[in-house]
C-alpha atoms as a PDB file:
ATOM      1  CA  MET A   1       1.144  81.175 150.232  1.00  0.00           C
ATOM      2  CA  LYS A   2       3.841  79.571 148.122  1.00  0.00           C
ATOM      3  CA  ILE A   3       2.602  79.298 144.550  1.00  0.00           C
ATOM      4  CA  ALA A   4       4.464  77.539 141.738  1.00  0.00           C
ATOM      5  CA  LEU A   5       3.526  78.105 138.101  1.00  0.00           C
ATOM      6  CA  ILE A   6       4.449  75.809 135.226  1.00  0.00           C
ATOM      7  CA  LEU A   7       4.781  78.120 132.237  1.00  0.00           C
ATOM      8  CA  ASP A   8       6.135  78.571 128.771  1.00  0.00           C
ATOM      9  CA  PRO A   9       9.517  80.358 128.774  1.00  0.00           C
ATOM     10  CA  LEU A  10       9.153  83.771 130.458  1.00  0.00           C
ATOM     11  CA  GLU A  11      10.744  85.547 127.508  1.00  0.00           C
ATOM     12  CA  SER A  12       8.001  84.196 125.224  1.00  0.00           C
ATOM     13  CA  LEU A  13       5.114  85.614 127.268  1.00  0.00           C
ATOM     14  CA  GLN A  14       3.267  88.682 125.993  1.00  0.00           C
ATOM     15  CA  VAL A  15       3.442  90.487 129.312  1.00  0.00           C
ATOM     16  CA  TYR A  16       0.907  93.202 128.520  1.00  0.00           C
ATOM     17  CA  LYS A  17      -1.929  90.730 128.007  1.00  0.00           C
ATOM     18  CA  ASP A  18      -0.896  87.373 129.435  1.00  0.00           C
ATOM     19  CA  SER A  19      -3.360  85.933 131.951  1.00  0.00           C
ATOM     20  CA  SER A  20      -0.642  84.007 133.805  1.00  0.00           C
ATOM     21  CA  VAL A  21       1.245  87.266 134.321  1.00  0.00           C
ATOM     22  CA  ALA A  22      -1.974  88.921 135.536  1.00  0.00           C
ATOM     23  CA  ILE A  23      -2.434  86.124 138.086  1.00  0.00           C
ATOM     24  CA  MET A  24       1.182  86.482 139.180  1.00  0.00           C
ATOM     25  CA  ARG A  25       0.870  90.263 139.586  1.00  0.00           C
ATOM     26  CA  GLU A  26      -2.194  89.866 141.769  1.00  0.00           C
ATOM     27  CA  ALA A  27      -0.505  87.156 143.833  1.00  0.00           C
ATOM     28  CA  SER A  28       2.556  89.374 144.258  1.00  0.00           C
ATOM     29  CA  ARG A  29       0.362  92.297 145.322  1.00  0.00           C
ATOM     30  CA  ARG A  30      -1.007  90.036 148.080  1.00  0.00           C
ATOM     31  CA  ALA A  31       2.536  89.158 149.178  1.00  0.00           C
ATOM     32  CA  HIS A  32       2.357  85.509 148.125  1.00  0.00           C
ATOM     33  CA  GLN A  33       5.674  83.890 147.210  1.00  0.00           C
ATOM     34  CA  LEU A  34       5.996  83.011 143.520  1.00  0.00           C
ATOM     35  CA  PHE A  35       8.070  80.304 141.878  1.00  0.00           C
ATOM     36  CA  VAL A  36       8.278  79.436 138.181  1.00  0.00           C
ATOM     37  CA  THR A  37       9.337  76.457 136.143  1.00  0.00           C
ATOM     38  CA  GLY A  38       8.758  74.781 132.800  1.00  0.00           C
ATOM     39  CA  GLN A  39       7.888  71.237 131.890  1.00  0.00           C
ATOM     40  CA  SER A  40      11.563  70.321 132.217  1.00  0.00           C
ATOM     41  CA  GLY A  41      11.335  71.154 135.920  1.00  0.00           C
ATOM     42  CA  LEU A  42       9.114  68.131 136.536  1.00  0.00           C
ATOM     43  CA  LEU A  43      10.879  64.900 137.362  1.00  0.00           C
ATOM     44  CA  LEU A  44      10.462  61.577 139.122  1.00  0.00           C
ATOM     45  CA  ARG A  45      13.368  60.272 141.223  1.00  0.00           C
ATOM     46  CA  ASP A  46      13.151  56.911 142.987  1.00  0.00           C
ATOM     47  CA  GLY A  47       9.375  56.997 142.659  1.00  0.00           C
ATOM     48  CA  VAL A  48       9.074  60.469 144.215  1.00  0.00           C
ATOM     49  CA  ALA A  49       7.912  63.465 142.188  1.00  0.00           C
ATOM     50  CA  ARG A  50      10.218  66.478 142.390  1.00  0.00           C
ATOM     51  CA  LEU A  51       9.842  70.034 141.142  1.00  0.00           C
ATOM     52  CA  GLN A  52      12.759  72.255 140.149  1.00  0.00           C
ATOM     53  CA  THR A  53      11.663  75.879 140.489  1.00  0.00           C
ATOM     54  CA  THR A  54      13.142  79.365 140.544  1.00  0.00           C
ATOM     55  CA  ALA A  55      12.004  82.120 142.880  1.00  0.00           C
ATOM     56  CA  PHE A  56      10.290  84.896 140.909  1.00  0.00           C
ATOM     57  CA  GLU A  57       9.783  88.619 141.579  1.00  0.00           C
ATOM     58  CA  PHE A  58       8.530  91.452 139.380  1.00  0.00           C
ATOM     59  CA  SER A  59      11.129  94.046 138.481  1.00  0.00           C
ATOM     60  CA  GLN A  60      11.031  97.698 137.449  1.00  0.00           C
ATOM     61  CA  GLY A  61      14.409  97.594 135.768  1.00  0.00           C
ATOM     62  CA  HIS A  62      15.610  96.532 132.343  1.00  0.00           C
ATOM     63  CA  SER A  63      13.685  93.261 132.585  1.00  0.00           C
ATOM     64  CA  TRP A  64      10.126  92.897 133.855  1.00  0.00           C
ATOM     65  CA  TYR A  65      11.145  90.128 136.223  1.00  0.00           C
ATOM     66  CA  HIS A  66      13.947  88.998 138.494  1.00  0.00           C
ATOM     67  CA  LEU A  67      14.793  85.357 139.122  1.00  0.00           C
ATOM     68  CA  GLY A  68      16.289  84.178 142.364  1.00  0.00           C
ATOM     69  CA  GLU A  69      17.753  80.912 143.471  1.00  0.00           C
ATOM     70  CA  GLN A  70      16.824  77.706 141.689  1.00  0.00           C
ATOM     71  CA  PHE A  71      16.189  74.714 143.890  1.00  0.00           C
ATOM     72  CA  GLU A  72      14.471  71.351 143.910  1.00  0.00           C
ATOM     73  CA  GLN A  73      11.856  70.158 146.384  1.00  0.00           C
ATOM     74  CA  VAL A  74       8.847  67.900 146.718  1.00  0.00           C
ATOM     75  CA  PRO A  75       5.759  69.541 145.135  1.00  0.00           C
ATOM     76  CA  GLU A  76       3.582  69.192 148.238  1.00  0.00           C
ATOM     77  CA  LEU A  77       5.619  71.923 149.965  1.00  0.00           C
ATOM     78  CA  PHE A  78       3.830  74.459 147.753  1.00  0.00           C
ATOM     79  CA  ASN A  79       0.332  75.611 148.669  1.00  0.00           C
ATOM     80  CA  ALA A  80      -0.664  75.395 145.013  1.00  0.00           C
ATOM     81  CA  ILE A  81       0.880  74.405 141.693  1.00  0.00           C
ATOM     82  CA  LEU A  82      -0.732  76.067 138.680  1.00  0.00           C
ATOM     83  CA  MET A  83      -0.335  74.242 135.372  1.00  0.00           C
ATOM     84  CA  ARG A  84      -0.346  77.094 132.829  1.00  0.00           C
ATOM     85  CA  LYS A  85       1.590  75.596 129.900  1.00  0.00           C
ATOM     86  CA  ASP A  86       0.008  76.437 126.554  1.00  0.00           C
ATOM     87  CA  PRO A  87      -0.947  73.733 124.040  1.00  0.00           C
ATOM     88  CA  PRO A  88      -0.299  71.987 121.715  1.00  0.00           C
ATOM     89  CA  PHE A  89      -1.423  69.086 123.840  1.00  0.00           C
ATOM     90  CA  ASP A  90       1.286  66.734 122.664  1.00  0.00           C
ATOM     91  CA  SER A  91       3.014  63.704 124.207  1.00  0.00           C
ATOM     92  CA  GLU A  92       5.213  65.900 126.412  1.00  0.00           C
ATOM     93  CA  TYR A  93       2.105  67.592 127.787  1.00  0.00           C
ATOM     94  CA  VAL A  94       0.598  64.200 128.594  1.00  0.00           C
ATOM     95  CA  TYR A  95       3.824  63.099 130.325  1.00  0.00           C
ATOM     96  CA  SER A  96       3.719  66.286 132.415  1.00  0.00           C
ATOM     97  CA  THR A  97       0.215  65.439 133.586  1.00  0.00           C
ATOM     98  CA  TYR A  98       1.399  61.948 134.596  1.00  0.00           C
ATOM     99  CA  LEU A  99       4.165  63.445 136.731  1.00  0.00           C
ATOM    100  CA  LEU A 100       1.807  66.037 138.206  1.00  0.00           C
ATOM    101  CA  GLU A 101      -0.675  63.302 139.029  1.00  0.00           C
ATOM    102  CA  ILE A 102       2.013  61.486 141.005  1.00  0.00           C
ATOM    103  CA  ALA A 103       2.772  64.783 142.758  1.00  0.00           C
ATOM    104  CA  GLU A 104      -0.922  65.095 143.538  1.00  0.00           C
ATOM    105  CA  GLN A 105      -0.941  61.595 145.027  1.00  0.00           C
ATOM    106  CA  GLN A 106       1.946  62.692 147.255  1.00  0.00           C
ATOM    107  CA  GLY A 107      -0.209  65.506 148.604  1.00  0.00           C
ATOM    108  CA  ALA A 108       0.420  68.393 146.202  1.00  0.00           C
ATOM    109  CA  ARG A 109      -2.434  70.705 145.199  1.00  0.00           C
ATOM    110  CA  VAL A 110      -2.330  70.921 141.398  1.00  0.00           C
ATOM    111  CA  LEU A 111      -4.698  73.135 139.421  1.00  0.00           C
ATOM    112  CA  ASN A 112      -6.118  72.184 137.062  1.00  0.00           C
ATOM    113  CA  ARG A 113      -6.295  68.540 138.149  1.00  0.00           C
ATOM    114  CA  PRO A 114      -3.859  66.604 135.900  1.00  0.00           C
ATOM    115  CA  GLN A 115      -6.193  63.699 135.142  1.00  0.00           C
ATOM    116  CA  SER A 116      -8.978  66.091 134.172  1.00  0.00           C
ATOM    117  CA  ILE A 117      -6.672  68.015 131.849  1.00  0.00           C
ATOM    118  CA  ARG A 118      -6.187  64.719 130.023  1.00  0.00           C
ATOM    119  CA  ASP A 119      -9.820  63.639 130.203  1.00  0.00           C
ATOM    120  CA  TRP A 120     -11.370  66.939 129.094  1.00  0.00           C
ATOM    121  CA  ASN A 121     -10.025  67.372 125.573  1.00  0.00           C
ATOM    122  CA  GLU A 122     -10.744  70.991 124.698  1.00  0.00           C
ATOM    123  CA  LYS A 123     -12.626  70.134 121.523  1.00  0.00           C
ATOM    124  CA  LEU A 124     -14.160  66.765 122.407  1.00  0.00           C
ATOM    125  CA  SER A 125     -15.500  67.888 125.789  1.00  0.00           C
ATOM    126  CA  VAL A 126     -18.512  69.548 124.162  1.00  0.00           C
ATOM    127  CA  ALA A 127     -19.779  65.987 123.641  1.00  0.00           C
ATOM    128  CA  ARG A 128     -20.430  65.906 127.408  1.00  0.00           C
ATOM    129  CA  PHE A 129     -23.083  68.591 126.850  1.00  0.00           C
ATOM    130  CA  PRO A 130     -24.768  67.713 123.529  1.00  0.00           C
ATOM    131  CA  GLN A 131     -27.774  69.885 124.368  1.00  0.00           C
ATOM    132  CA  PHE A 132     -25.570  72.967 123.902  1.00  0.00           C
ATOM    133  CA  ALA A 133     -23.215  71.845 121.121  1.00  0.00           C
ATOM    134  CA  PRO A 134     -23.694  72.512 117.407  1.00  0.00           C
ATOM    135  CA  GLU A 135     -23.875  69.508 115.075  1.00  0.00           C
ATOM    136  CA  PHE A 136     -20.407  67.966 114.940  1.00  0.00           C
ATOM    137  CA  LEU A 137     -18.441  64.973 113.730  1.00  0.00           C
ATOM    138  CA  VAL A 138     -15.190  63.493 115.062  1.00  0.00           C
ATOM    139  CA  THR A 139     -13.337  61.253 112.615  1.00  0.00           C
ATOM    140  CA  ARG A 140     -10.128  60.748 110.662  1.00  0.00           C
ATOM    141  CA  SER A 141     -12.044  59.815 107.500  1.00  0.00           C
ATOM    142  CA  SER A 142     -12.083  62.419 104.747  1.00  0.00           C
ATOM    143  CA  GLU A 143     -15.106  60.725 103.208  1.00  0.00           C
ATOM    144  CA  GLU A 144     -17.062  61.050 106.447  1.00  0.00           C
ATOM    145  CA  ILE A 145     -16.193  64.746 106.556  1.00  0.00           C
ATOM    146  CA  ARG A 146     -17.265  65.150 102.925  1.00  0.00           C
ATOM    147  CA  ASP A 147     -20.626  63.579 103.801  1.00  0.00           C
ATOM    148  CA  PHE A 148     -20.951  65.929 106.792  1.00  0.00           C
ATOM    149  CA  LEU A 149     -20.167  68.877 104.521  1.00  0.00           C
ATOM    150  CA  ALA A 150     -22.741  67.712 101.980  1.00  0.00           C
ATOM    151  CA  GLU A 151     -25.345  67.581 104.756  1.00  0.00           C
ATOM    152  CA  HIS A 152     -24.638  71.009 106.278  1.00  0.00           C
ATOM    153  CA  GLY A 153     -23.161  72.948 103.367  1.00  0.00           C
ATOM    154  CA  ASP A 154     -20.850  75.084 105.512  1.00  0.00           C
ATOM    155  CA  ILE A 155     -18.567  73.611 108.171  1.00  0.00           C
ATOM    156  CA  VAL A 156     -15.415  74.222 110.203  1.00  0.00           C
ATOM    157  CA  VAL A 157     -12.732  71.535 110.617  1.00  0.00           C
ATOM    158  CA  LYS A 158     -10.098  71.712 113.336  1.00  0.00           C
ATOM    159  CA  PRO A 159      -7.410  69.574 115.008  1.00  0.00           C
ATOM    160  CA  LEU A 160      -8.055  68.236 118.502  1.00  0.00           C
ATOM    161  CA  ASP A 161      -4.771  69.441 120.007  1.00  0.00           C
ATOM    162  CA  GLY A 162      -4.298  73.042 118.862  1.00  0.00           C
ATOM    163  CA  MET A 163      -4.897  76.518 120.258  1.00  0.00           C
ATOM    164  CA  GLY A 164      -5.430  80.080 119.081  1.00  0.00           C
ATOM    165  CA  GLY A 165      -7.287  79.002 115.962  1.00  0.00           C
ATOM    166  CA  SER A 166      -4.244  77.278 114.463  1.00  0.00           C
ATOM    167  CA  GLY A 167      -5.064  74.695 111.817  1.00  0.00           C
ATOM    168  CA  VAL A 168      -8.758  75.666 111.622  1.00  0.00           C
ATOM    169  CA  PHE A 169     -10.391  75.644 108.172  1.00  0.00           C
ATOM    170  CA  ARG A 170     -13.834  76.647 106.946  1.00  0.00           C
ATOM    171  CA  LEU A 171     -15.252  74.585 104.084  1.00  0.00           C
ATOM    172  CA  HIS A 172     -18.167  75.240 101.693  1.00  0.00           C
ATOM    173  CA  ARG A 173     -19.740  72.711  99.330  1.00  0.00           C
ATOM    174  CA  ALA A 174     -18.391  74.651  96.347  1.00  0.00           C
ATOM    175  CA  ASP A 175     -14.879  75.033  97.743  1.00  0.00           C
ATOM    176  CA  HIS A 176     -12.252  73.972  95.163  1.00  0.00           C
ATOM    177  CA  ASN A 177      -9.702  73.085  97.869  1.00  0.00           C
ATOM    178  CA  ILE A 178     -11.702  70.508  99.836  1.00  0.00           C
ATOM    179  CA  GLY A 179      -9.404  67.638  98.912  1.00  0.00           C
ATOM    180  CA  VAL A 180      -6.106  69.280  99.836  1.00  0.00           C
ATOM    181  CA  ILE A 181      -7.542  70.759 103.048  1.00  0.00           C
ATOM    182  CA  LEU A 182      -8.806  67.383 104.218  1.00  0.00           C
ATOM    183  CA  GLU A 183      -5.535  65.709 103.236  1.00  0.00           C
ATOM    184  CA  THR A 184      -3.662  68.350 105.223  1.00  0.00           C
ATOM    185  CA  ILE A 185      -5.759  68.385 108.373  1.00  0.00           C
ATOM    186  CA  THR A 186      -6.237  64.582 108.607  1.00  0.00           C
ATOM    187  CA  HIS A 187      -2.710  63.748 107.441  1.00  0.00           C
ATOM    188  CA  TYR A 188      -4.240  61.552 104.737  1.00  0.00           C
ATOM    189  CA  ASP A 189      -6.796  59.985 107.084  1.00  0.00           C
ATOM    190  CA  ARG A 190      -4.237  59.276 109.816  1.00  0.00           C
ATOM    191  CA  ARG A 191      -5.209  62.033 112.288  1.00  0.00           C
ATOM    192  CA  THR A 192      -8.572  62.403 114.025  1.00  0.00           C
ATOM    193  CA  VAL A 193     -10.157  65.865 113.752  1.00  0.00           C
ATOM    194  CA  MET A 194     -13.434  67.581 114.562  1.00  0.00           C
ATOM    195  CA  ALA A 195     -15.897  69.027 112.057  1.00  0.00           C
ATOM    196  CA  GLN A 196     -18.614  71.395 113.281  1.00  0.00           C
ATOM    197  CA  ARG A 197     -21.476  73.065 111.507  1.00  0.00           C
ATOM    198  CA  TYR A 198     -20.433  76.636 110.725  1.00  0.00           C
ATOM    199  CA  LEU A 199     -22.161  79.127 113.001  1.00  0.00           C
ATOM    200  CA  PRO A 200     -22.774  82.484 111.251  1.00  0.00           C
ATOM    201  CA  GLU A 201     -23.123  84.118 114.677  1.00  0.00           C
ATOM    202  CA  ILE A 202     -19.309  84.093 114.768  1.00  0.00           C
ATOM    203  CA  LYS A 203     -19.547  87.497 113.069  1.00  0.00           C
ATOM    204  CA  SER A 204     -20.775  88.869 116.401  1.00  0.00           C
ATOM    205  CA  GLY A 205     -17.953  87.170 118.257  1.00  0.00           C
ATOM    206  CA  ASP A 206     -16.654  83.898 119.644  1.00  0.00           C
ATOM    207  CA  LYS A 207     -17.325  84.495 123.352  1.00  0.00           C
ATOM    208  CA  ARG A 208     -14.818  83.355 125.960  1.00  0.00           C
ATOM    209  CA  ILE A 209     -16.566  82.739 129.292  1.00  0.00           C
ATOM    210  CA  LEU A 210     -14.119  82.305 132.150  1.00  0.00           C
ATOM    211  CA  MET A 211     -15.152  79.860 134.872  1.00  0.00           C
ATOM    212  CA  ILE A 212     -13.424  80.044 138.268  1.00  0.00           C
ATOM    213  CA  ASP A 213     -14.070  77.089 140.579  1.00  0.00           C
ATOM    214  CA  GLY A 214     -17.254  76.322 138.651  1.00  0.00           C
ATOM    215  CA  VAL A 215     -18.624  79.887 138.686  1.00  0.00           C
ATOM    216  CA  PRO A 216     -18.704  82.163 135.596  1.00  0.00           C
ATOM    217  CA  LEU A 217     -17.397  85.699 135.550  1.00  0.00           C
ATOM    218  CA  PRO A 218     -20.208  88.199 134.889  1.00  0.00           C
ATOM    219  CA  TYR A 219     -18.578  89.231 131.594  1.00  0.00           C
ATOM    220  CA  ALA A 220     -17.419  87.299 128.544  1.00  0.00           C
ATOM    221  CA  LEU A 221     -14.914  88.477 125.965  1.00  0.00           C
ATOM    222  CA  ALA A 222     -16.454  88.363 122.489  1.00  0.00           C
ATOM    223  CA  ARG A 223     -13.592  87.837 120.041  1.00  0.00           C
ATOM    224  CA  ILE A 224     -14.763  89.321 116.767  1.00  0.00           C
ATOM    225  CA  PRO A 225     -13.025  88.136 113.575  1.00  0.00           C
ATOM    226  CA  LYS A 226     -11.179  90.668 111.477  1.00  0.00           C
ATOM    227  CA  SER A 227     -12.452  91.327 107.963  1.00  0.00           C
ATOM    228  CA  GLY A 228     -12.073  88.306 105.701  1.00  0.00           C
ATOM    229  CA  GLU A 229     -11.355  85.934 108.593  1.00  0.00           C
ATOM    230  CA  THR A 230     -13.492  83.116 109.990  1.00  0.00           C
ATOM    231  CA  ARG A 231     -11.653  82.724 113.298  1.00  0.00           C
ATOM    232  CA  GLY A 232     -12.289  85.106 116.166  1.00  0.00           C
ATOM    233  CA  ASN A 233      -9.244  84.075 118.215  1.00  0.00           C
ATOM    234  CA  LEU A 234      -7.154  87.026 119.377  1.00  0.00           C
ATOM    235  CA  ALA A 235      -4.072  85.140 118.156  1.00  0.00           C
ATOM    236  CA  ALA A 236      -5.646  85.156 114.688  1.00  0.00           C
ATOM    237  CA  GLY A 237      -6.233  88.927 114.718  1.00  0.00           C
ATOM    238  CA  GLY A 238      -9.666  89.028 116.355  1.00  0.00           C
ATOM    239  CA  THR A 239     -10.814  92.027 118.390  1.00  0.00           C
ATOM    240  CA  GLY A 240     -11.888  91.425 121.989  1.00  0.00           C
ATOM    241  CA  VAL A 241     -15.022  93.177 123.243  1.00  0.00           C
ATOM    242  CA  ALA A 242     -16.221  92.522 126.798  1.00  0.00           C
ATOM    243  CA  GLN A 243     -19.937  91.779 127.094  1.00  0.00           C
ATOM    244  CA  ALA A 244     -22.236  90.921 129.985  1.00  0.00           C
ATOM    245  CA  LEU A 245     -23.337  87.292 129.985  1.00  0.00           C
ATOM    246  CA  THR A 246     -26.647  86.610 128.242  1.00  0.00           C
ATOM    247  CA  PRO A 247     -29.333  84.352 129.736  1.00  0.00           C
ATOM    248  CA  ARG A 248     -28.177  81.597 127.351  1.00  0.00           C
ATOM    249  CA  ASP A 249     -24.553  82.049 128.465  1.00  0.00           C
ATOM    250  CA  ARG A 250     -25.661  81.635 132.077  1.00  0.00           C
ATOM    251  CA  GLU A 251     -27.748  78.586 131.213  1.00  0.00           C
ATOM    252  CA  ILE A 252     -24.675  76.926 129.712  1.00  0.00           C
ATOM    253  CA  ALA A 253     -22.445  77.992 132.610  1.00  0.00           C
ATOM    254  CA  ASP A 254     -24.946  76.748 135.200  1.00  0.00           C
ATOM    255  CA  ALA A 255     -24.991  73.321 133.542  1.00  0.00           C
ATOM    256  CA  VAL A 256     -21.252  72.990 132.906  1.00  0.00           C
ATOM    257  CA  GLY A 257     -19.921  74.663 136.067  1.00  0.00           C
ATOM    258  CA  PRO A 258     -20.769  71.931 138.599  1.00  0.00           C
ATOM    259  CA  GLU A 259     -19.149  69.282 136.379  1.00  0.00           C
ATOM    260  CA  LEU A 260     -15.986  71.369 136.069  1.00  0.00           C
ATOM    261  CA  LYS A 261     -15.791  71.838 139.832  1.00  0.00           C
ATOM    262  CA  LYS A 262     -16.394  68.133 140.449  1.00  0.00           C
ATOM    263  CA  SER A 263     -13.506  67.338 138.094  1.00  0.00           C
ATOM    264  CA  GLY A 264     -11.079  69.730 139.775  1.00  0.00           C
ATOM    265  CA  LEU A 265     -11.003  72.098 136.796  1.00  0.00           C
ATOM    266  CA  PHE A 266     -10.449  75.325 138.691  1.00  0.00           C
ATOM    267  CA  LEU A 267      -9.906  77.765 135.802  1.00  0.00           C
ATOM    268  CA  VAL A 268     -11.642  77.061 132.498  1.00  0.00           C
ATOM    269  CA  GLY A 269     -12.464  79.065 129.387  1.00  0.00           C
ATOM    270  CA  MET A 270     -15.703  78.053 127.666  1.00  0.00           C
ATOM    271  CA  ASP A 271     -16.184  79.213 124.084  1.00  0.00           C
ATOM    272  CA  VAL A 272     -19.711  80.081 123.011  1.00  0.00           C
ATOM    273  CA  ILE A 273     -20.822  81.175 119.548  1.00  0.00           C
ATOM    274  CA  GLY A 274     -24.397  82.381 119.411  1.00  0.00           C
ATOM    275  CA  GLU A 275     -26.413  79.811 121.337  1.00  0.00           C
ATOM    276  CA  HIS A 276     -23.832  77.021 121.137  1.00  0.00           C
ATOM    277  CA  LEU A 277     -20.947  75.740 123.248  1.00  0.00           C
ATOM    278  CA  THR A 278     -18.037  75.031 120.889  1.00  0.00           C
ATOM    279  CA  GLU A 279     -15.004  74.382 123.140  1.00  0.00           C
ATOM    280  CA  ILE A 280     -14.065  73.924 126.801  1.00  0.00           C
ATOM    281  CA  ASN A 281     -10.496  75.124 127.334  1.00  0.00           C
ATOM    282  CA  VAL A 282      -8.815  73.562 130.369  1.00  0.00           C
ATOM    283  CA  THR A 283      -5.079  74.052 129.775  1.00  0.00           C
ATOM    284  CA  SER A 284      -4.231  77.770 130.007  1.00  0.00           C
ATOM    285  CA  PRO A 285      -7.345  79.888 129.336  1.00  0.00           C
ATOM    286  CA  THR A 286      -6.767  83.566 128.651  1.00  0.00           C
ATOM    287  CA  CYS A 287      -8.683  86.878 128.273  1.00  0.00           C
ATOM    288  CA  MET A 288      -8.355  88.023 131.904  1.00  0.00           C
ATOM    289  CA  VAL A 289      -6.513  91.224 131.027  1.00  0.00           C
ATOM    290  CA  GLU A 290      -8.956  92.285 128.303  1.00  0.00           C
ATOM    291  CA  ILE A 291     -11.992  91.764 130.544  1.00  0.00           C
ATOM    292  CA  CYS A 292     -10.318  93.675 133.377  1.00  0.00           C
ATOM    293  CA  ALA A 293      -9.452  96.614 131.094  1.00  0.00           C
ATOM    294  CA  GLN A 294     -13.006  96.993 129.776  1.00  0.00           C
ATOM    295  CA  THR A 295     -15.178  96.303 132.832  1.00  0.00           C
ATOM    296  CA  ASP A 296     -15.351  96.687 136.603  1.00  0.00           C
ATOM    297  CA  CYS A 297     -14.423  92.987 136.928  1.00  0.00           C
ATOM    298  CA  ASN A 298     -10.881  91.913 137.840  1.00  0.00           C
ATOM    299  CA  PRO A 299     -10.607  88.220 136.879  1.00  0.00           C
ATOM    300  CA  ALA A 300      -7.133  87.775 138.382  1.00  0.00           C
ATOM    301  CA  ALA A 301      -8.341  89.101 141.738  1.00  0.00           C
ATOM    302  CA  LEU A 302     -11.369  86.802 141.654  1.00  0.00           C
ATOM    303  CA  PHE A 303      -9.084  83.897 140.801  1.00  0.00           C
ATOM    304  CA  LEU A 304      -6.823  84.641 143.787  1.00  0.00           C
ATOM    305  CA  ASP A 305      -9.858  85.049 146.056  1.00  0.00           C
ATOM    306  CA  ALA A 306     -11.056  81.599 145.036  1.00  0.00           C
ATOM    307  CA  LEU A 307      -7.572  80.086 145.280  1.00  0.00           C
ATOM    308  CA  GLU A 308      -7.078  81.451 148.799  1.00  0.00           C
ATOM    309  CA  ARG A 309     -10.446  80.095 149.889  1.00  0.00           C
ATOM    310  CA  SER A 310      -9.696  76.721 148.350  1.00  0.00           C
ATOM    311  CA  CYS A 311      -6.272  76.409 149.948  1.00  0.00           C
ATOM    312  CA  ALA A 312      -7.629  77.526 153.332  1.00  0.00           C
ATOM    313  CA  THR A 313      -9.977  74.543 153.383  1.00  0.00           C
ATOM    314  CA  VAL A 314      -7.251  71.944 152.814  1.00  0.00           C
END
């Protein structure tokens, strides 16, 4: 197969743990052809979507990769295009999904589906499954958040477009910095954010459950916060511990999985704290390498198995 990946700059990737790199290594092992590009490689010329890519191979030399010829072609000539650009989900990200949607209309196979990347905001999507979500509020009003804090006593506030725990704050009723935190995160009531009831089970880990074509992996990665930290994200210093899915994890996955598959969300990372679904990550979910290192499960191999089956049916 010919597989194109839309990535952050290669030199910025943390090769030893990056899930995109793990997928690429497995694809290379299976002799699939790999091509890479960034958001700048997407363009629309005379109403036709085009994709500027560079041939990619792994290298054993000074650099971990070798790039070949760069060329431009219509996206439908690839068997699959994998959108693996990290957030923030800003205007440029939205524009990329528009261009990828046009490519999809031309016949390209784009994963995850561009429209669904837009529709399934990673924080707001828990509202699709209120039976699993903790109590939450979405607003730009600091006063509304203060009322929510007064009701629950201990909450977390976070932006709707971030990743890796960036911009996440925990607030208590007695916190002396409530005003400045709310001013900062809402940009003085000009930016909509999410507030969620604080879940003390975070101390046992914020579990990342990877879903491939609507089916969960048998293991989650519990990201346990470091001492003195509320966030379990690995980017915020959390420690990843692989754990078998609990019955509650499977209950959530069984309910969410069919909706993900129906929406063309091929690779998704659900975040579960205790008994509650807190986020549904659809842009560039990670944790493949950590799960592979600690268990008998190889997420990248399972991803390629599913991708090959999916492309064979087209």
